[in-house]
Amino acid sequence: MSGVRVIEEKYLPKRTREEKLFIFGEGEWIDEEDFHQFVHNGVECRVLRNTLGSLCGYVSLANGHPWRSIDIFEDSQDEIDVHGGLTFSEAFDDGEHWIGFDCSHARDITPSCEITLKQVRADMRTKFPDLCKRGDQILSGNFMGATYKNMNYVIEECKSLADQAIKAAHVK
């Protein structure tokens, strides 16, 4: 891909299908790639799977961009519309600055939690069958309407964030 700075291979996730199955359990994440980079309207974008198995999206900010000074813990993000809000903003030694978001929120299915919840549900049904009959909605999982945010979803969120960053850079 022209225009995309390549990340050194040693920093990329290298989980096999079998490793992902063991760590995260069954789900569409098993056959998904763990890293994807692209340029959208001149803005570098990256999607990376975190250690929980959820995907995170990142966009690069140009020098002088007004969002470079955002403190994601203190500043209002009202003008930024991205899944779950910004959860990452970092300047690097080489002058690059990236902002990003993750898909490990309350209404997101987090792969590593799914395998743990499956084991807990099985134990609960064995040890407390009468209680489980009444609480089956909770034990069946996904009682909050959680969904897994897949690679396509995160790519589209990155594109939207990149478009918003372009617009913010041109507003004076």
N, C-alpha and C. Protein backbone atom coordinates (compact mmCIF):
# COMPACT_ATOMS: atom_id res chain seq x y z
N MET A 1 0.84 -1.18 0.00
CA MET A 1 0.00 0.00 0.00
C MET A 1 0.88 1.24 0.00
N SER A 2 0.73 2.07 -0.94
CA SER A 2 1.53 3.28 -0.96
C SER A 2 0.98 4.27 0.06
N GLY A 3 1.88 5.02 0.67
CA GLY A 3 1.47 6.03 1.62
C GLY A 3 1.34 5.53 3.05
N VAL A 4 1.41 4.24 3.28
CA VAL A 4 1.29 3.69 4.62
C VAL A 4 2.66 3.30 5.14
N ARG A 5 3.04 3.85 6.29
CA ARG A 5 4.28 3.44 6.91
C ARG A 5 4.08 2.06 7.51
N VAL A 6 4.95 1.16 7.19
CA VAL A 6 4.81 -0.23 7.64
C VAL A 6 5.30 -0.35 9.08
N ILE A 7 4.52 -1.04 9.89
CA ILE A 7 4.91 -1.33 11.27
C ILE A 7 5.84 -2.54 11.22
N GLU A 8 6.90 -2.48 12.03
CA GLU A 8 7.82 -3.62 12.07
C GLU A 8 7.06 -4.88 12.44
N GLU A 9 7.36 -5.96 11.73
CA GLU A 9 6.64 -7.22 11.91
C GLU A 9 6.68 -7.72 13.35
N LYS A 10 7.78 -7.45 14.06
CA LYS A 10 7.89 -7.94 15.44
C LYS A 10 6.82 -7.35 16.36
N TYR A 11 6.20 -6.23 15.97
CA TYR A 11 5.18 -5.59 16.79
C TYR A 11 3.76 -6.03 16.45
N LEU A 12 3.60 -6.81 15.41
CA LEU A 12 2.27 -7.23 14.97
C LEU A 12 1.83 -8.50 15.69
N PRO A 13 0.53 -8.62 16.00
CA PRO A 13 0.04 -9.86 16.61
C PRO A 13 0.26 -11.02 15.64
N LYS A 14 0.66 -12.15 16.19
CA LYS A 14 0.91 -13.33 15.35
C LYS A 14 0.22 -14.54 15.95
N ARG A 15 -1.05 -14.46 16.19
CA ARG A 15 -1.78 -15.58 16.76
C ARG A 15 -2.31 -16.48 15.65
N THR A 16 -2.11 -17.76 15.83
CA THR A 16 -2.69 -18.71 14.89
C THR A 16 -4.16 -18.89 15.21
N ARG A 17 -4.87 -19.52 14.31
CA ARG A 17 -6.29 -19.81 14.54
C ARG A 17 -6.46 -20.62 15.83
N GLU A 18 -5.60 -21.61 16.02
CA GLU A 18 -5.67 -22.48 17.20
C GLU A 18 -5.40 -21.69 18.49
N GLU A 19 -4.43 -20.77 18.44
CA GLU A 19 -4.15 -19.94 19.62
C GLU A 19 -5.34 -19.04 19.94
N LYS A 20 -5.94 -18.46 18.92
CA LYS A 20 -7.09 -17.60 19.16
C LYS A 20 -8.27 -18.40 19.71
N LEU A 21 -8.45 -19.60 19.22
CA LEU A 21 -9.52 -20.45 19.71
C LEU A 21 -9.30 -20.77 21.19
N PHE A 22 -8.06 -21.08 21.55
CA PHE A 22 -7.74 -21.39 22.94
C PHE A 22 -7.90 -20.17 23.84
N ILE A 23 -7.43 -19.01 23.40
CA ILE A 23 -7.42 -17.80 24.23
C ILE A 23 -8.81 -17.14 24.29
N PHE A 24 -9.48 -17.06 23.13
CA PHE A 24 -10.71 -16.28 23.04
C PHE A 24 -11.98 -17.11 22.91
N GLY A 25 -11.86 -18.38 22.57
CA GLY A 25 -13.04 -19.19 22.35
C GLY A 25 -13.59 -19.00 20.95
N GLU A 26 -14.63 -19.74 20.65
CA GLU A 26 -15.23 -19.73 19.32
C GLU A 26 -15.94 -18.40 19.05
N GLY A 27 -15.82 -17.92 17.84
CA GLY A 27 -16.48 -16.69 17.41
C GLY A 27 -15.90 -16.25 16.08
N GLU A 28 -16.50 -15.23 15.47
CA GLU A 28 -16.03 -14.80 14.15
C GLU A 28 -14.61 -14.25 14.19
N TRP A 29 -14.13 -13.88 15.37
CA TRP A 29 -12.77 -13.35 15.53
C TRP A 29 -11.70 -14.40 15.22
N ILE A 30 -12.06 -15.67 15.26
CA ILE A 30 -11.08 -16.74 15.02
C ILE A 30 -10.47 -16.63 13.62
N ASP A 31 -11.29 -16.32 12.62
CA ASP A 31 -10.79 -16.27 11.24
C ASP A 31 -10.51 -14.86 10.74
N GLU A 32 -10.68 -13.87 11.60
CA GLU A 32 -10.38 -12.48 11.23
C GLU A 32 -8.88 -12.21 11.33
N GLU A 33 -8.42 -11.28 10.51
CA GLU A 33 -7.04 -10.83 10.67
C GLU A 33 -6.92 -10.04 11.97
N ASP A 34 -5.72 -9.95 12.50
CA ASP A 34 -5.49 -9.23 13.76
C ASP A 34 -4.96 -7.82 13.54
N PHE A 35 -4.60 -7.51 12.31
CA PHE A 35 -4.05 -6.19 12.00
C PHE A 35 -4.42 -5.81 10.57
N HIS A 36 -4.78 -4.55 10.40
CA HIS A 36 -5.09 -4.05 9.07
C HIS A 36 -4.70 -2.57 9.03
N GLN A 37 -4.01 -2.16 7.99
CA GLN A 37 -3.67 -0.74 7.85
C GLN A 37 -4.05 -0.28 6.46
N PHE A 38 -4.45 1.00 6.39
CA PHE A 38 -4.90 1.56 5.12
C PHE A 38 -4.84 3.08 5.21
N VAL A 39 -5.00 3.72 4.08
CA VAL A 39 -5.08 5.19 4.03
C VAL A 39 -6.48 5.54 3.56
N HIS A 40 -7.14 6.43 4.30
CA HIS A 40 -8.47 6.91 3.93
C HIS A 40 -8.41 8.42 3.76
N ASN A 41 -8.67 8.88 2.55
CA ASN A 41 -8.64 10.32 2.24
C ASN A 41 -7.35 10.98 2.73
N GLY A 42 -6.24 10.28 2.57
CA GLY A 42 -4.94 10.82 2.94
C GLY A 42 -4.55 10.64 4.40
N VAL A 43 -5.41 10.00 5.20
CA VAL A 43 -5.13 9.80 6.62
C VAL A 43 -4.79 8.33 6.86
N GLU A 44 -3.65 8.10 7.52
CA GLU A 44 -3.27 6.73 7.86
C GLU A 44 -4.20 6.19 8.93
N CYS A 45 -4.64 4.95 8.74
CA CYS A 45 -5.52 4.28 9.69
C CYS A 45 -4.99 2.88 9.97
N ARG A 46 -5.22 2.42 11.18
CA ARG A 46 -4.81 1.07 11.57
C ARG A 46 -5.87 0.45 12.47
N VAL A 47 -6.03 -0.84 12.32
CA VAL A 47 -6.88 -1.63 13.21
C VAL A 47 -6.00 -2.72 13.79
N LEU A 48 -6.07 -2.89 15.10
CA LEU A 48 -5.21 -3.84 15.79
C LEU A 48 -6.03 -4.57 16.85
N ARG A 49 -5.86 -5.88 16.94
CA ARG A 49 -6.54 -6.65 17.98
C ARG A 49 -5.74 -6.53 19.27
N ASN A 50 -6.41 -6.19 20.37
CA ASN A 50 -5.71 -6.06 21.65
C ASN A 50 -5.61 -7.42 22.35
N THR A 51 -5.02 -7.44 23.53
CA THR A 51 -4.81 -8.70 24.24
C THR A 51 -6.10 -9.35 24.72
N LEU A 52 -7.19 -8.57 24.79
CA LEU A 52 -8.49 -9.12 25.16
C LEU A 52 -9.21 -9.74 23.97
N GLY A 53 -8.66 -9.52 22.78
CA GLY A 53 -9.28 -10.05 21.57
C GLY A 53 -10.17 -9.05 20.86
N SER A 54 -10.39 -7.90 21.47
CA SER A 54 -11.20 -6.85 20.84
C SER A 54 -10.36 -6.07 19.85
N LEU A 55 -11.03 -5.48 18.89
CA LEU A 55 -10.33 -4.65 17.92
C LEU A 55 -10.31 -3.20 18.38
N CYS A 56 -9.23 -2.52 18.03
CA CYS A 56 -9.06 -1.09 18.33
C CYS A 56 -8.74 -0.40 17.02
N GLY A 57 -9.25 0.82 16.84
CA GLY A 57 -9.00 1.58 15.63
C GLY A 57 -8.20 2.83 15.94
N TYR A 58 -7.30 3.18 15.01
CA TYR A 58 -6.41 4.32 15.21
C TYR A 58 -6.30 5.13 13.93
N VAL A 59 -6.17 6.45 14.08
CA VAL A 59 -5.88 7.32 12.94
C VAL A 59 -4.73 8.25 13.33
N SER A 60 -3.93 8.59 12.34
CA SER A 60 -2.79 9.47 12.53
C SER A 60 -3.23 10.92 12.36
N LEU A 61 -2.70 11.79 13.20
CA LEU A 61 -3.00 13.23 13.10
C LEU A 61 -1.79 13.97 12.55
N ALA A 62 -2.02 14.82 11.60
CA ALA A 62 -0.96 15.61 10.99
C ALA A 62 -0.39 16.62 11.99
N ASN A 63 0.84 17.07 11.73
CA ASN A 63 1.43 18.13 12.55
C ASN A 63 0.50 19.33 12.57
N GLY A 64 0.35 19.93 13.75
CA GLY A 64 -0.48 21.12 13.89
C GLY A 64 -1.97 20.83 14.01
N HIS A 65 -2.37 19.57 13.97
CA HIS A 65 -3.80 19.25 14.08
C HIS A 65 -4.31 19.63 15.47
N PRO A 66 -5.49 20.27 15.55
CA PRO A 66 -6.00 20.71 16.86
C PRO A 66 -6.28 19.57 17.84
N TRP A 67 -6.53 18.38 17.37
CA TRP A 67 -6.81 17.26 18.27
C TRP A 67 -5.56 16.69 18.92
N ARG A 68 -4.39 17.10 18.48
CA ARG A 68 -3.16 16.60 19.09
C ARG A 68 -3.07 16.99 20.57
N SER A 69 -3.74 18.05 20.95
CA SER A 69 -3.65 18.52 22.33
C SER A 69 -4.78 17.98 23.22
N ILE A 70 -5.63 17.13 22.68
CA ILE A 70 -6.75 16.58 23.47
C ILE A 70 -6.22 15.67 24.57
N ASP A 71 -6.71 15.93 25.78
CA ASP A 71 -6.47 15.02 26.90
C ASP A 71 -7.71 14.15 26.99
N ILE A 72 -7.59 12.88 26.61
CA ILE A 72 -8.77 12.02 26.52
C ILE A 72 -9.44 11.80 27.87
N PHE A 73 -8.74 12.09 28.97
CA PHE A 73 -9.33 11.90 30.29
C PHE A 73 -9.93 13.19 30.85
N GLU A 74 -9.57 14.33 30.30
CA GLU A 74 -10.01 15.61 30.85
C GLU A 74 -10.88 16.43 29.91
N ASP A 75 -10.56 16.42 28.63
CA ASP A 75 -11.22 17.31 27.67
C ASP A 75 -12.52 16.71 27.13
N SER A 76 -13.44 17.58 26.81
CA SER A 76 -14.69 17.16 26.18
C SER A 76 -14.39 16.64 24.78
N GLN A 77 -15.09 15.61 24.41
CA GLN A 77 -14.94 15.03 23.07
C GLN A 77 -16.24 15.18 22.29
N ASP A 78 -17.01 16.19 22.61
CA ASP A 78 -18.33 16.37 21.99
C ASP A 78 -18.26 16.43 20.47
N GLU A 79 -17.18 16.97 19.93
CA GLU A 79 -17.08 17.12 18.48
C GLU A 79 -16.60 15.83 17.79
N ILE A 80 -16.25 14.82 18.58
CA ILE A 80 -15.73 13.57 18.02
C ILE A 80 -16.75 12.45 18.24
N ASP A 81 -17.20 11.87 17.15
CA ASP A 81 -18.18 10.80 17.22
C ASP A 81 -17.54 9.50 16.75
N VAL A 82 -17.11 8.68 17.71
CA VAL A 82 -16.50 7.39 17.39
C VAL A 82 -16.93 6.39 18.45
N HIS A 83 -16.97 5.14 18.11
CA HIS A 83 -17.44 4.09 19.00
C HIS A 83 -16.79 4.18 20.38
N GLY A 84 -17.58 4.40 21.41
CA GLY A 84 -17.08 4.42 22.78
C GLY A 84 -16.27 5.64 23.16
N GLY A 85 -16.07 6.57 22.23
CA GLY A 85 -15.24 7.74 22.50
C GLY A 85 -13.76 7.42 22.35
N LEU A 86 -12.95 8.44 22.34
CA LEU A 86 -11.50 8.23 22.24
C LEU A 86 -10.99 7.59 23.52
N THR A 87 -10.17 6.57 23.37
CA THR A 87 -9.53 5.93 24.52
C THR A 87 -8.01 5.92 24.38
N PHE A 88 -7.51 6.57 23.31
CA PHE A 88 -6.07 6.58 23.06
C PHE A 88 -5.69 7.88 22.37
N SER A 89 -4.64 8.52 22.86
CA SER A 89 -4.05 9.69 22.22
C SER A 89 -2.58 9.72 22.64
N GLU A 90 -1.71 9.57 21.66
CA GLU A 90 -0.29 9.44 22.00
C GLU A 90 0.60 10.07 20.94
N ALA A 91 1.57 10.84 21.41
CA ALA A 91 2.61 11.38 20.53
C ALA A 91 3.82 10.48 20.67
N PHE A 92 4.47 10.18 19.55
CA PHE A 92 5.63 9.29 19.56
C PHE A 92 6.89 10.07 19.25
N ASP A 93 8.03 9.47 19.56
CA ASP A 93 9.33 10.12 19.38
C ASP A 93 9.58 10.56 17.95
N ASP A 94 9.02 9.84 16.99
CA ASP A 94 9.26 10.17 15.58
C ASP A 94 8.36 11.32 15.08
N GLY A 95 7.58 11.91 15.99
CA GLY A 95 6.73 13.04 15.63
C GLY A 95 5.30 12.64 15.26
N GLU A 96 5.06 11.35 15.09
CA GLU A 96 3.70 10.91 14.78
C GLU A 96 2.81 11.06 16.00
N HIS A 97 1.53 11.31 15.76
CA HIS A 97 0.55 11.37 16.84
C HIS A 97 -0.66 10.57 16.38
N TRP A 98 -1.08 9.63 17.20
CA TRP A 98 -2.22 8.78 16.86
C TRP A 98 -3.30 8.92 17.92
N ILE A 99 -4.55 8.88 17.47
CA ILE A 99 -5.68 8.80 18.38
C ILE A 99 -6.44 7.52 18.04
N GLY A 100 -7.20 7.02 19.02
CA GLY A 100 -7.90 5.78 18.73
C GLY A 100 -9.01 5.47 19.72
N PHE A 101 -9.65 4.36 19.45
CA PHE A 101 -10.79 3.89 20.24
C PHE A 101 -10.69 2.38 20.35
N ASP A 102 -11.40 1.84 21.33
CA ASP A 102 -11.41 0.38 21.47
C ASP A 102 -12.86 -0.13 21.44
N CYS A 103 -12.99 -1.42 21.26
CA CYS A 103 -14.30 -2.06 21.21
C CYS A 103 -14.44 -3.06 22.35
N SER A 104 -14.14 -2.59 23.55
CA SER A 104 -14.25 -3.41 24.77
C SER A 104 -15.12 -2.69 25.80
N HIS A 105 -16.26 -2.21 25.35
CA HIS A 105 -17.16 -1.47 26.23
C HIS A 105 -18.32 -2.36 26.69
N ALA A 106 -19.18 -1.82 27.53
CA ALA A 106 -20.26 -2.60 28.15
C ALA A 106 -21.14 -3.33 27.13
N ARG A 107 -21.41 -2.75 26.01
CA ARG A 107 -22.27 -3.40 25.02
C ARG A 107 -21.48 -4.01 23.87
N ASP A 108 -20.22 -4.30 24.13
CA ASP A 108 -19.36 -4.97 23.16
C ASP A 108 -19.06 -6.37 23.66
N ILE A 109 -19.05 -7.31 22.76
CA ILE A 109 -18.59 -8.65 23.11
C ILE A 109 -17.07 -8.63 23.02
N THR A 110 -16.44 -8.95 24.15
CA THR A 110 -14.98 -9.01 24.23
C THR A 110 -14.59 -10.48 24.20
N PRO A 111 -13.89 -10.91 23.14
CA PRO A 111 -13.61 -12.34 22.97
C PRO A 111 -13.03 -13.05 24.19
N SER A 112 -12.02 -12.49 24.86
CA SER A 112 -11.43 -13.19 26.00
C SER A 112 -12.41 -13.34 27.15
N CYS A 113 -13.35 -12.43 27.28
CA CYS A 113 -14.37 -12.54 28.32
C CYS A 113 -15.41 -13.60 27.96
N GLU A 114 -15.66 -13.79 26.69
CA GLU A 114 -16.66 -14.76 26.26
C GLU A 114 -16.29 -16.17 26.67
N ILE A 115 -15.02 -16.55 26.51
CA ILE A 115 -14.63 -17.91 26.89
C ILE A 115 -14.72 -18.09 28.40
N THR A 116 -14.37 -17.07 29.16
CA THR A 116 -14.47 -17.13 30.62
C THR A 116 -15.93 -17.22 31.04
N LEU A 117 -16.79 -16.39 30.45
CA LEU A 117 -18.21 -16.42 30.78
C LEU A 117 -18.84 -17.77 30.44
N LYS A 118 -18.42 -18.36 29.36
CA LYS A 118 -18.94 -19.68 28.98
C LYS A 118 -18.59 -20.71 30.05
N GLN A 119 -17.37 -20.65 30.56
CA GLN A 119 -16.95 -21.58 31.61
C GLN A 119 -17.71 -21.32 32.91
N VAL A 120 -17.90 -20.05 33.26
CA VAL A 120 -18.64 -19.70 34.47
C VAL A 120 -20.09 -20.16 34.35
N ARG A 121 -20.70 -19.94 33.21
CA ARG A 121 -22.09 -20.38 33.01
C ARG A 121 -22.23 -21.89 33.17
N ALA A 122 -21.29 -22.64 32.61
CA ALA A 122 -21.34 -24.09 32.72
C ALA A 122 -21.20 -24.52 34.19
N ASP A 123 -20.27 -23.89 34.92
CA ASP A 123 -20.10 -24.21 36.34
C ASP A 123 -21.35 -23.86 37.13
N MET A 124 -21.94 -22.70 36.87
CA MET A 124 -23.14 -22.27 37.57
C MET A 124 -24.30 -23.23 37.34
N ARG A 125 -24.47 -23.67 36.11
CA ARG A 125 -25.58 -24.58 35.80
C ARG A 125 -25.40 -25.92 36.51
N THR A 126 -24.16 -26.34 36.67
CA THR A 126 -23.87 -27.60 37.36
C THR A 126 -24.07 -27.46 38.87
N LYS A 127 -23.55 -26.38 39.43
CA LYS A 127 -23.56 -26.22 40.89
C LYS A 127 -24.86 -25.65 41.45
N PHE A 128 -25.55 -24.82 40.66
CA PHE A 128 -26.76 -24.16 41.15
C PHE A 128 -27.89 -24.26 40.12
N PRO A 129 -28.34 -25.47 39.81
CA PRO A 129 -29.33 -25.62 38.73
C PRO A 129 -30.65 -24.90 38.99
N ASP A 130 -31.13 -24.89 40.25
CA ASP A 130 -32.41 -24.23 40.53
C ASP A 130 -32.30 -22.71 40.37
N LEU A 131 -31.23 -22.15 40.84
CA LEU A 131 -31.00 -20.72 40.70
C LEU A 131 -30.86 -20.36 39.22
N CYS A 132 -30.21 -21.20 38.47
CA CYS A 132 -29.96 -20.92 37.06
C CYS A 132 -31.23 -20.93 36.23
N LYS A 133 -32.22 -21.70 36.64
CA LYS A 133 -33.49 -21.71 35.90
C LYS A 133 -34.12 -20.32 35.94
N ARG A 134 -34.00 -19.65 37.09
CA ARG A 134 -34.58 -18.31 37.23
C ARG A 134 -33.71 -17.23 36.58
N GLY A 135 -32.43 -17.45 36.56
CA GLY A 135 -31.52 -16.44 36.01
C GLY A 135 -30.97 -16.81 34.65
N ASP A 136 -31.74 -17.61 33.91
CA ASP A 136 -31.21 -18.13 32.65
C ASP A 136 -30.91 -17.04 31.63
N GLN A 137 -31.65 -15.93 31.70
CA GLN A 137 -31.38 -14.84 30.75
C GLN A 137 -29.96 -14.32 30.94
N ILE A 138 -29.56 -14.18 32.19
CA ILE A 138 -28.21 -13.70 32.47
C ILE A 138 -27.18 -14.77 32.10
N LEU A 139 -27.46 -16.00 32.48
CA LEU A 139 -26.51 -17.07 32.20
C LEU A 139 -26.38 -17.39 30.72
N SER A 140 -27.41 -17.07 29.95
CA SER A 140 -27.32 -17.35 28.52
C SER A 140 -26.39 -16.37 27.83
N GLY A 141 -26.03 -15.32 28.54
CA GLY A 141 -25.11 -14.33 27.97
C GLY A 141 -25.84 -13.31 27.13
N ASN A 142 -25.16 -12.24 26.81
CA ASN A 142 -25.68 -11.22 25.91
C ASN A 142 -27.01 -10.63 26.37
N PHE A 143 -27.23 -10.54 27.69
CA PHE A 143 -28.48 -9.99 28.17
C PHE A 143 -28.55 -8.47 28.02
N MET A 144 -27.44 -7.82 27.70
CA MET A 144 -27.45 -6.37 27.48
C MET A 144 -27.48 -6.02 26.00
N GLY A 145 -27.63 -7.01 25.14
CA GLY A 145 -27.65 -6.74 23.70
C GLY A 145 -26.27 -6.46 23.13
N ALA A 146 -25.25 -7.02 23.77
CA ALA A 146 -23.88 -6.80 23.31
C ALA A 146 -23.66 -7.44 21.94
N THR A 147 -22.82 -6.80 21.16
CA THR A 147 -22.44 -7.34 19.85
C THR A 147 -20.93 -7.27 19.69
N TYR A 148 -20.42 -8.15 18.86
CA TYR A 148 -18.99 -8.14 18.56
C TYR A 148 -18.76 -7.12 17.44
N LYS A 149 -17.82 -6.22 17.63
CA LYS A 149 -17.46 -5.22 16.63
C LYS A 149 -16.34 -5.80 15.79
N ASN A 150 -16.68 -6.26 14.59
CA ASN A 150 -15.73 -6.97 13.74
C ASN A 150 -14.86 -6.01 12.92
N MET A 151 -13.96 -6.60 12.14
CA MET A 151 -12.99 -5.82 11.37
C MET A 151 -13.68 -4.81 10.45
N ASN A 152 -14.73 -5.22 9.77
CA ASN A 152 -15.43 -4.28 8.87
C ASN A 152 -16.00 -3.10 9.64
N TYR A 153 -16.59 -3.36 10.80
CA TYR A 153 -17.14 -2.29 11.62
C TYR A 153 -16.05 -1.31 12.03
N VAL A 154 -14.92 -1.83 12.51
CA VAL A 154 -13.84 -0.97 13.01
C VAL A 154 -13.20 -0.19 11.87
N ILE A 155 -13.07 -0.80 10.70
CA ILE A 155 -12.55 -0.07 9.53
C ILE A 155 -13.46 1.11 9.20
N GLU A 156 -14.77 0.90 9.22
CA GLU A 156 -15.71 1.99 8.93
C GLU A 156 -15.64 3.08 9.99
N GLU A 157 -15.47 2.70 11.26
CA GLU A 157 -15.32 3.70 12.33
C GLU A 157 -14.03 4.50 12.14
N CYS A 158 -12.96 3.83 11.72
CA CYS A 158 -11.69 4.53 11.43
C CYS A 158 -11.89 5.54 10.30
N LYS A 159 -12.58 5.13 9.25
CA LYS A 159 -12.84 6.04 8.13
C LYS A 159 -13.63 7.26 8.60
N SER A 160 -14.65 7.02 9.42
CA SER A 160 -15.44 8.13 9.95
C SER A 160 -14.59 9.06 10.81
N LEU A 161 -13.75 8.47 11.67
CA LEU A 161 -12.87 9.28 12.52
C LEU A 161 -11.88 10.07 11.67
N ALA A 162 -11.34 9.45 10.62
CA ALA A 162 -10.42 10.15 9.72
C ALA A 162 -11.12 11.32 9.04
N ASP A 163 -12.35 11.11 8.58
CA ASP A 163 -13.11 12.20 7.95
C ASP A 163 -13.36 13.34 8.93
N GLN A 164 -13.68 13.00 10.17
CA GLN A 164 -13.89 14.02 11.19
C GLN A 164 -12.60 14.78 11.49
N ALA A 165 -11.48 14.07 11.50
CA ALA A 165 -10.17 14.71 11.74
C ALA A 165 -9.83 15.68 10.59
N ILE A 166 -10.13 15.27 9.37
CA ILE A 166 -9.90 16.16 8.21
C ILE A 166 -10.73 17.43 8.35
N LYS A 167 -11.99 17.26 8.71
CA LYS A 167 -12.89 18.41 8.87
C LYS A 167 -12.41 19.33 9.99
N ALA A 168 -11.99 18.74 11.13
CA ALA A 168 -11.53 19.54 12.27
C ALA A 168 -10.26 20.31 11.92
N ALA A 169 -9.42 19.74 11.07
CA ALA A 169 -8.17 20.40 10.70
C ALA A 169 -8.43 21.63 9.84
N HIS A 170 -9.57 21.67 9.16
CA HIS A 170 -9.88 22.80 8.27
C HIS A 170 -10.79 23.84 8.92
N VAL A 171 -11.24 23.59 10.14
CA VAL A 171 -12.06 24.56 10.88
C VAL A 171 -11.13 25.43 11.70
N LYS A 172 -11.24 26.71 11.48
CA LYS A 172 -10.38 27.65 12.22
C LYS A 172 -11.18 28.41 13.24
